Amino acid sequence: MAVLHPTGVLAMTEAAAPGREGRRQAILAAAIEVFAERGFAGAHIRDIAARAGVGEGTVYLYFAGKDDLLLTAFRETLRRFCQEARAAIGAQGPFEERLRRLLCFQAAQVEAHPALATMLLMESRQSRYFYGEPVRAALREYAALYDELLAEGQRRGELRPDVDPVLARRALLGAIQEVALDWLLGDRARPLAPRAQALADLFCRGLCT
């Protein structure tokens, strides 16, 4: 799991949108909010168009339908997240420090953009096309963040040599996504950062030399 801010402006009108890309991003941003509020099954193109301030037919100039909107938002958001996460954790530094940065960055994005997190973690899998190659490619890029970090930790001797890096990555991804889901579905007044730090403590005690 992973989350980032939409690049569009939710209330942008069709006339005010700065060209084709501006309208496209406004539609994507509106779709993210509508999917989070109503669920994928309960969302309609007319609702997304109204939220974006465009005509319903305009949506179909950019996207084939709800599935296309949902999966495009998923792919583009996840790829932006990966780019910004790499910048946040840096290319150098101890394994434990960089892992903490990554987990805390991910938690901060969930807190800052709960609608986007809901779309990524809960609604995206409602599409029958979710497990197609375009989404799988985005998920591989996301997994690579952890794979590269774990491989570098083992190479530098900071990670136990007997640790299976693929299993460790799966455990880390499952844990941070479970923490995020618990926050989204529960008490959002409780900050996520301490839970991300506790998760880092738990894994580092088991993984590090």
C-alpha atoms as a PDB file:
ATOM      1  CA  MET A   1       0.000   0.000   0.000  1.00  0.00           C
ATOM      2  CA  ALA A   2       0.953   3.291  -0.601  1.00  0.00           C
ATOM      3  CA  VAL A   3      -0.601   7.119  -1.060  1.00  0.00           C
ATOM      4  CA  LEU A   4       0.012  10.622  -2.510  1.00  0.00           C
ATOM      5  CA  HIS A   5      -1.889  13.806  -3.199  1.00  0.00           C
ATOM      6  CA  PRO A   6      -3.998  14.082  -6.363  1.00  0.00           C
ATOM      7  CA  THR A   7      -2.468  16.312  -8.985  1.00  0.00           C
ATOM      8  CA  GLY A   8      -5.768  17.810 -10.082  1.00  0.00           C
ATOM      9  CA  VAL A   9      -7.973  20.545  -8.643  1.00  0.00           C
ATOM     10  CA  LEU A  10     -11.283  19.138  -7.431  1.00  0.00           C
ATOM     11  CA  ALA A  11     -13.459  22.191  -8.017  1.00  0.00           C
ATOM     12  CA  MET A  12     -11.965  23.193 -11.360  1.00  0.00           C
ATOM     13  CA  THR A  13     -14.543  24.047 -14.013  1.00  0.00           C
ATOM     14  CA  GLU A  14     -14.197  22.876 -17.577  1.00  0.00           C
ATOM     15  CA  ALA A  15     -13.780  26.448 -18.792  1.00  0.00           C
ATOM     16  CA  ALA A  16     -11.146  27.268 -16.186  1.00  0.00           C
ATOM     17  CA  ALA A  17      -9.124  24.079 -16.550  1.00  0.00           C
ATOM     18  CA  PRO A  18      -5.706  24.801 -18.078  1.00  0.00           C
ATOM     19  CA  GLY A  19      -6.099  22.663 -21.163  1.00  0.00           C
ATOM     20  CA  ARG A  20      -6.575  18.980 -21.757  1.00  0.00           C
ATOM     21  CA  GLU A  21      -4.230  17.748 -19.026  1.00  0.00           C
ATOM     22  CA  GLY A  22      -5.842  20.041 -16.475  1.00  0.00           C
ATOM     23  CA  ARG A  23      -9.268  18.607 -17.226  1.00  0.00           C
ATOM     24  CA  ARG A  24      -7.924  15.070 -17.088  1.00  0.00           C
ATOM     25  CA  GLN A  25      -6.360  15.648 -13.672  1.00  0.00           C
ATOM     26  CA  ALA A  26      -9.521  17.341 -12.383  1.00  0.00           C
ATOM     27  CA  ILE A  27     -11.549  14.295 -13.417  1.00  0.00           C
ATOM     28  CA  LEU A  28      -9.075  11.900 -11.778  1.00  0.00           C
ATOM     29  CA  ALA A  29      -9.050  13.887  -8.544  1.00  0.00           C
ATOM     30  CA  ALA A  30     -12.849  14.000  -8.486  1.00  0.00           C
ATOM     31  CA  ALA A  31     -13.032  10.254  -9.142  1.00  0.00           C
ATOM     32  CA  ILE A  32     -10.752   9.532  -6.190  1.00  0.00           C
ATOM     33  CA  GLU A  33     -13.051  11.433  -3.837  1.00  0.00           C
ATOM     34  CA  VAL A  34     -16.238   9.888  -5.210  1.00  0.00           C
ATOM     35  CA  PHE A  35     -14.808   6.348  -5.048  1.00  0.00           C
ATOM     36  CA  ALA A  36     -13.707   6.939  -1.442  1.00  0.00           C
ATOM     37  CA  GLU A  37     -17.085   8.371  -0.427  1.00  0.00           C
ATOM     38  CA  ARG A  38     -19.459   6.022  -2.245  1.00  0.00           C
ATOM     39  CA  GLY A  39     -17.366   2.984  -3.042  1.00  0.00           C
ATOM     40  CA  PHE A  40     -16.574   1.756  -6.537  1.00  0.00           C
ATOM     41  CA  ALA A  41     -19.945   0.032  -6.945  1.00  0.00           C
ATOM     42  CA  GLY A  42     -21.888   3.081  -5.780  1.00  0.00           C
ATOM     43  CA  ALA A  43     -20.002   5.640  -7.854  1.00  0.00           C
ATOM     44  CA  HIS A  44     -21.397   6.899 -11.159  1.00  0.00           C
ATOM     45  CA  ILE A  45     -19.743   8.786 -13.988  1.00  0.00           C
ATOM     46  CA  ARG A  46     -22.321  11.567 -13.644  1.00  0.00           C
ATOM     47  CA  ASP A  47     -21.265  12.084 -10.006  1.00  0.00           C
ATOM     48  CA  ILE A  48     -17.597  12.239 -10.969  1.00  0.00           C
ATOM     49  CA  ALA A  49     -18.325  14.682 -13.782  1.00  0.00           C
ATOM     50  CA  ALA A  50     -20.322  16.943 -11.460  1.00  0.00           C
ATOM     51  CA  ARG A  51     -17.537  16.905  -8.855  1.00  0.00           C
ATOM     52  CA  ALA A  52     -14.954  17.777 -11.509  1.00  0.00           C
ATOM     53  CA  GLY A  53     -17.121  20.534 -12.975  1.00  0.00           C
ATOM     54  CA  VAL A  54     -17.280  19.005 -16.450  1.00  0.00           C
ATOM     55  CA  GLY A  55     -20.004  17.462 -18.571  1.00  0.00           C
ATOM     56  CA  GLU A  56     -20.584  13.725 -18.300  1.00  0.00           C
ATOM     57  CA  GLY A  57     -19.584  13.275 -21.936  1.00  0.00           C
ATOM     58  CA  THR A  58     -16.279  15.027 -21.261  1.00  0.00           C
ATOM     59  CA  VAL A  59     -15.254  12.235 -18.908  1.00  0.00           C
ATOM     60  CA  TYR A  60     -15.491   9.752 -21.791  1.00  0.00           C
ATOM     61  CA  LEU A  61     -13.113  11.857 -23.878  1.00  0.00           C
ATOM     62  CA  TYR A  62     -10.402  10.931 -21.376  1.00  0.00           C
ATOM     63  CA  PHE A  63     -11.440   7.612 -19.828  1.00  0.00           C
ATOM     64  CA  ALA A  64     -13.335   4.555 -21.068  1.00  0.00           C
ATOM     65  CA  GLY A  65     -15.419   4.312 -17.899  1.00  0.00           C
ATOM     66  CA  LYS A  66     -15.274   3.674 -14.154  1.00  0.00           C
ATOM     67  CA  ASP A  67     -12.745   0.856 -14.331  1.00  0.00           C
ATOM     68  CA  ASP A  68     -10.387   2.948 -16.431  1.00  0.00           C
ATOM     69  CA  LEU A  69     -10.717   5.884 -14.025  1.00  0.00           C
ATOM     70  CA  LEU A  70     -10.103   3.742 -10.964  1.00  0.00           C
ATOM     71  CA  LEU A  71      -7.111   1.874 -12.324  1.00  0.00           C
ATOM     72  CA  THR A  72      -5.531   4.953 -13.907  1.00  0.00           C
ATOM     73  CA  ALA A  73      -5.797   6.761 -10.571  1.00  0.00           C
ATOM     74  CA  PHE A  74      -4.267   3.730  -8.837  1.00  0.00           C
ATOM     75  CA  ARG A  75      -1.332   3.408 -11.230  1.00  0.00           C
ATOM     76  CA  GLU A  76      -0.478   7.094 -11.431  1.00  0.00           C
ATOM     77  CA  THR A  77      -0.796   7.629  -7.685  1.00  0.00           C
ATOM     78  CA  LEU A  78       1.377   4.638  -6.855  1.00  0.00           C
ATOM     79  CA  ARG A  79       4.070   5.712  -9.293  1.00  0.00           C
ATOM     80  CA  ARG A  80       4.150   9.248  -7.885  1.00  0.00           C
ATOM     81  CA  PHE A  81       4.338   7.780  -4.405  1.00  0.00           C
ATOM     82  CA  CYS A  82       7.348   5.665  -5.384  1.00  0.00           C
ATOM     83  CA  GLN A  83       9.166   8.688  -6.804  1.00  0.00           C
ATOM     84  CA  GLU A  84       8.577  10.791  -3.696  1.00  0.00           C
ATOM     85  CA  ALA A  85       9.301   7.912  -1.316  1.00  0.00           C
ATOM     86  CA  ARG A  86      12.713   7.381  -2.931  1.00  0.00           C
ATOM     87  CA  ALA A  87      13.496  11.043  -2.369  1.00  0.00           C
ATOM     88  CA  ALA A  88      12.267  10.838   1.236  1.00  0.00           C
ATOM     89  CA  ILE A  89      14.372   7.831   2.241  1.00  0.00           C
ATOM     90  CA  GLY A  90      17.493   8.918   0.362  1.00  0.00           C
ATOM     91  CA  ALA A  91      20.091   6.786  -1.364  1.00  0.00           C
ATOM     92  CA  GLN A  92      22.478   6.501   1.589  1.00  0.00           C
ATOM     93  CA  GLY A  93      22.279   5.810   5.294  1.00  0.00           C
ATOM     94  CA  PRO A  94      21.835   2.904   7.712  1.00  0.00           C
ATOM     95  CA  PHE A  95      19.174   0.334   6.885  1.00  0.00           C
ATOM     96  CA  GLU A  96      17.170   0.945  10.064  1.00  0.00           C
ATOM     97  CA  GLU A  97      17.082   4.708   9.538  1.00  0.00           C
ATOM     98  CA  ARG A  98      15.959   4.398   5.921  1.00  0.00           C
ATOM     99  CA  LEU A  99      13.302   1.805   6.786  1.00  0.00           C
ATOM    100  CA  ARG A 100      11.909   4.149   9.431  1.00  0.00           C
ATOM    101  CA  ARG A 101      11.797   6.976   6.910  1.00  0.00           C
ATOM    102  CA  LEU A 102       9.916   4.823   4.413  1.00  0.00           C
ATOM    103  CA  LEU A 103       7.329   3.552   6.894  1.00  0.00           C
ATOM    104  CA  CYS A 104       6.803   7.009   8.396  1.00  0.00           C
ATOM    105  CA  PHE A 105       6.523   8.604   4.952  1.00  0.00           C
ATOM    106  CA  GLN A 106       3.873   6.074   4.002  1.00  0.00           C
ATOM    107  CA  ALA A 107       1.965   6.675   7.251  1.00  0.00           C
ATOM    108  CA  ALA A 108       2.133  10.445   6.741  1.00  0.00           C
ATOM    109  CA  GLN A 109       0.656  10.124   3.250  1.00  0.00           C
ATOM    110  CA  VAL A 110      -2.250   8.054   4.583  1.00  0.00           C
ATOM    111  CA  GLU A 111      -2.988  10.669   7.251  1.00  0.00           C
ATOM    112  CA  ALA A 112      -2.711  13.582   4.847  1.00  0.00           C
ATOM    113  CA  HIS A 113      -4.823  12.020   2.081  1.00  0.00           C
ATOM    114  CA  PRO A 114      -7.356   9.564   3.540  1.00  0.00           C
ATOM    115  CA  ALA A 115      -9.608   9.592   0.461  1.00  0.00           C
ATOM    116  CA  LEU A 116      -6.686   8.575  -1.702  1.00  0.00           C
ATOM    117  CA  ALA A 117      -5.663   5.894   0.798  1.00  0.00           C
ATOM    118  CA  THR A 118      -9.206   4.519   0.819  1.00  0.00           C
ATOM    119  CA  MET A 119      -9.216   4.325  -2.970  1.00  0.00           C
ATOM    120  CA  LEU A 120      -5.827   2.575  -3.044  1.00  0.00           C
ATOM    121  CA  LEU A 121      -6.337   0.109  -0.218  1.00  0.00           C
ATOM    122  CA  MET A 122     -10.046  -0.643  -0.346  1.00  0.00           C
ATOM    123  CA  GLU A 123     -11.758   0.303  -3.592  1.00  0.00           C
ATOM    124  CA  SER A 124      -9.147  -0.431  -6.266  1.00  0.00           C
ATOM    125  CA  ARG A 125      -9.556  -4.196  -5.937  1.00  0.00           C
ATOM    126  CA  GLN A 126     -13.250  -3.940  -6.777  1.00  0.00           C
ATOM    127  CA  SER A 127     -12.404  -3.584 -10.463  1.00  0.00           C
ATOM    128  CA  ARG A 128     -12.368  -6.851 -12.398  1.00  0.00           C
ATOM    129  CA  TYR A 129      -9.283  -5.545 -14.225  1.00  0.00           C
ATOM    130  CA  PHE A 130      -7.242  -4.902 -11.073  1.00  0.00           C
ATOM    131  CA  TYR A 131      -4.965  -7.908 -11.534  1.00  0.00           C
ATOM    132  CA  GLY A 132      -4.061  -7.082 -15.126  1.00  0.00           C
ATOM    133  CA  GLU A 133      -0.508  -6.307 -16.204  1.00  0.00           C
ATOM    134  CA  PRO A 134      -0.681  -2.465 -15.988  1.00  0.00           C
ATOM    135  CA  VAL A 135      -1.556  -2.605 -12.293  1.00  0.00           C
ATOM    136  CA  ARG A 136       0.884  -5.440 -11.656  1.00  0.00           C
ATOM    137  CA  ALA A 137       3.673  -3.300 -13.130  1.00  0.00           C
ATOM    138  CA  ALA A 138       2.847  -0.461 -10.722  1.00  0.00           C
ATOM    139  CA  LEU A 139       2.751  -2.906  -7.801  1.00  0.00           C
ATOM    140  CA  ARG A 140       6.168  -4.283  -8.783  1.00  0.00           C
ATOM    141  CA  GLU A 141       7.582  -0.759  -8.719  1.00  0.00           C
ATOM    142  CA  TYR A 142       6.127  -0.286  -5.233  1.00  0.00           C
ATOM    143  CA  ALA A 143       7.525  -3.614  -4.011  1.00  0.00           C
ATOM    144  CA  ALA A 144      10.930  -2.680  -5.442  1.00  0.00           C
ATOM    145  CA  LEU A 145      11.214   0.134  -2.878  1.00  0.00           C
ATOM    146  CA  TYR A 146      11.352  -2.479  -0.142  1.00  0.00           C
ATOM    147  CA  ASP A 147      13.292  -5.057  -2.168  1.00  0.00           C
ATOM    148  CA  GLU A 148      16.107  -2.591  -2.866  1.00  0.00           C
ATOM    149  CA  LEU A 149      16.224  -1.413   0.736  1.00  0.00           C
ATOM    150  CA  LEU A 150      16.373  -4.963   2.090  1.00  0.00           C
ATOM    151  CA  ALA A 151      18.984  -6.061  -0.466  1.00  0.00           C
ATOM    152  CA  GLU A 152      21.197  -3.092   0.396  1.00  0.00           C
ATOM    153  CA  GLY A 153      20.830  -3.867   4.100  1.00  0.00           C
ATOM    154  CA  GLN A 154      21.989  -7.444   3.531  1.00  0.00           C
ATOM    155  CA  ARG A 155      24.839  -6.346   1.282  1.00  0.00           C
ATOM    156  CA  ARG A 156      26.124  -4.000   3.985  1.00  0.00           C
ATOM    157  CA  GLY A 157      25.768  -6.618   6.707  1.00  0.00           C
ATOM    158  CA  GLU A 158      23.070  -4.661   8.555  1.00  0.00           C
ATOM    159  CA  LEU A 159      20.410  -7.263   7.858  1.00  0.00           C
ATOM    160  CA  ARG A 160      20.737 -10.857   9.023  1.00  0.00           C
ATOM    161  CA  PRO A 161      22.053 -13.042   6.173  1.00  0.00           C
ATOM    162  CA  ASP A 162      19.470 -15.762   6.856  1.00  0.00           C
ATOM    163  CA  VAL A 163      16.532 -13.394   6.310  1.00  0.00           C
ATOM    164  CA  ASP A 164      14.498 -14.180   3.197  1.00  0.00           C
ATOM    165  CA  PRO A 165      14.176 -10.691   1.641  1.00  0.00           C
ATOM    166  CA  VAL A 166      11.039 -11.543  -0.348  1.00  0.00           C
ATOM    167  CA  LEU A 167       9.278 -12.875   2.748  1.00  0.00           C
ATOM    168  CA  ALA A 168      10.462  -9.848   4.750  1.00  0.00           C
ATOM    169  CA  ARG A 169       9.105  -7.476   2.117  1.00  0.00           C
ATOM    170  CA  ARG A 170       5.744  -9.225   2.054  1.00  0.00           C
ATOM    171  CA  ALA A 171       5.541  -9.050   5.838  1.00  0.00           C
ATOM    172  CA  LEU A 172       6.433  -5.347   5.863  1.00  0.00           C
ATOM    173  CA  LEU A 173       3.919  -4.459   3.161  1.00  0.00           C
ATOM    174  CA  GLY A 174       1.183  -6.465   4.836  1.00  0.00           C
ATOM    175  CA  ALA A 175       1.894  -4.875   8.205  1.00  0.00           C
ATOM    176  CA  ILE A 176       1.942  -1.236   7.065  1.00  0.00           C
ATOM    177  CA  GLN A 177      -1.204  -1.750   5.014  1.00  0.00           C
ATOM    178  CA  GLU A 178      -2.978  -3.342   7.987  1.00  0.00           C
ATOM    179  CA  VAL A 179      -1.967  -0.400  10.190  1.00  0.00           C
ATOM    180  CA  ALA A 180      -3.253   2.017   7.550  1.00  0.00           C
ATOM    181  CA  LEU A 181      -6.562   0.162   7.170  1.00  0.00           C
ATOM    182  CA  ASP A 182      -7.053   0.087  10.929  1.00  0.00           C
ATOM    183  CA  TRP A 183      -6.643   3.878  10.998  1.00  0.00           C
ATOM    184  CA  LEU A 184      -8.916   4.478   8.005  1.00  0.00           C
ATOM    185  CA  LEU A 185     -11.699   2.332   9.452  1.00  0.00           C
ATOM    186  CA  GLY A 186     -11.213   3.331  13.092  1.00  0.00           C
ATOM    187  CA  ASP A 187     -10.172   6.319  15.170  1.00  0.00           C
ATOM    188  CA  ARG A 188      -8.511   8.786  12.822  1.00  0.00           C
ATOM    189  CA  ALA A 189      -7.787  11.157  15.698  1.00  0.00           C
ATOM    190  CA  ARG A 190      -4.927   8.880  16.794  1.00  0.00           C
ATOM    191  CA  PRO A 191      -1.752   9.741  14.876  1.00  0.00           C
ATOM    192  CA  LEU A 192      -0.225   7.084  12.668  1.00  0.00           C
ATOM    193  CA  ALA A 193       3.428   8.073  13.113  1.00  0.00           C
ATOM    194  CA  PRO A 194       3.899   6.316  16.490  1.00  0.00           C
ATOM    195  CA  ARG A 195       2.466   3.121  15.025  1.00  0.00           C
ATOM    196  CA  ALA A 196       4.823   3.343  12.052  1.00  0.00           C
ATOM    197  CA  GLN A 197       7.744   3.777  14.450  1.00  0.00           C
ATOM    198  CA  ALA A 198       6.573   0.806  16.535  1.00  0.00           C
ATOM    199  CA  LEU A 199       6.341  -1.269  13.373  1.00  0.00           C
ATOM    200  CA  ALA A 200       9.901  -0.295  12.462  1.00  0.00           C
ATOM    201  CA  ASP A 201      11.052  -1.277  15.971  1.00  0.00           C
ATOM    202  CA  LEU A 202       9.370  -4.663  15.662  1.00  0.00           C
ATOM    203  CA  PHE A 203      10.911  -5.489  12.298  1.00  0.00           C
ATOM    204  CA  CYS A 204      14.364  -4.132  13.043  1.00  0.00           C
ATOM    205  CA  ARG A 205      14.627  -6.252  16.186  1.00  0.00           C
ATOM    206  CA  GLY A 206      13.910  -9.319  14.104  1.00  0.00           C
ATOM    207  CA  LEU A 207      15.770  -8.458  10.907  1.00  0.00           C
ATOM    208  CA  CYS A 208      18.888  -6.533  11.866  1.00  0.00           C
ATOM    209  CA  THR A 209      22.234  -7.940  12.967  1.00  0.00           C
END
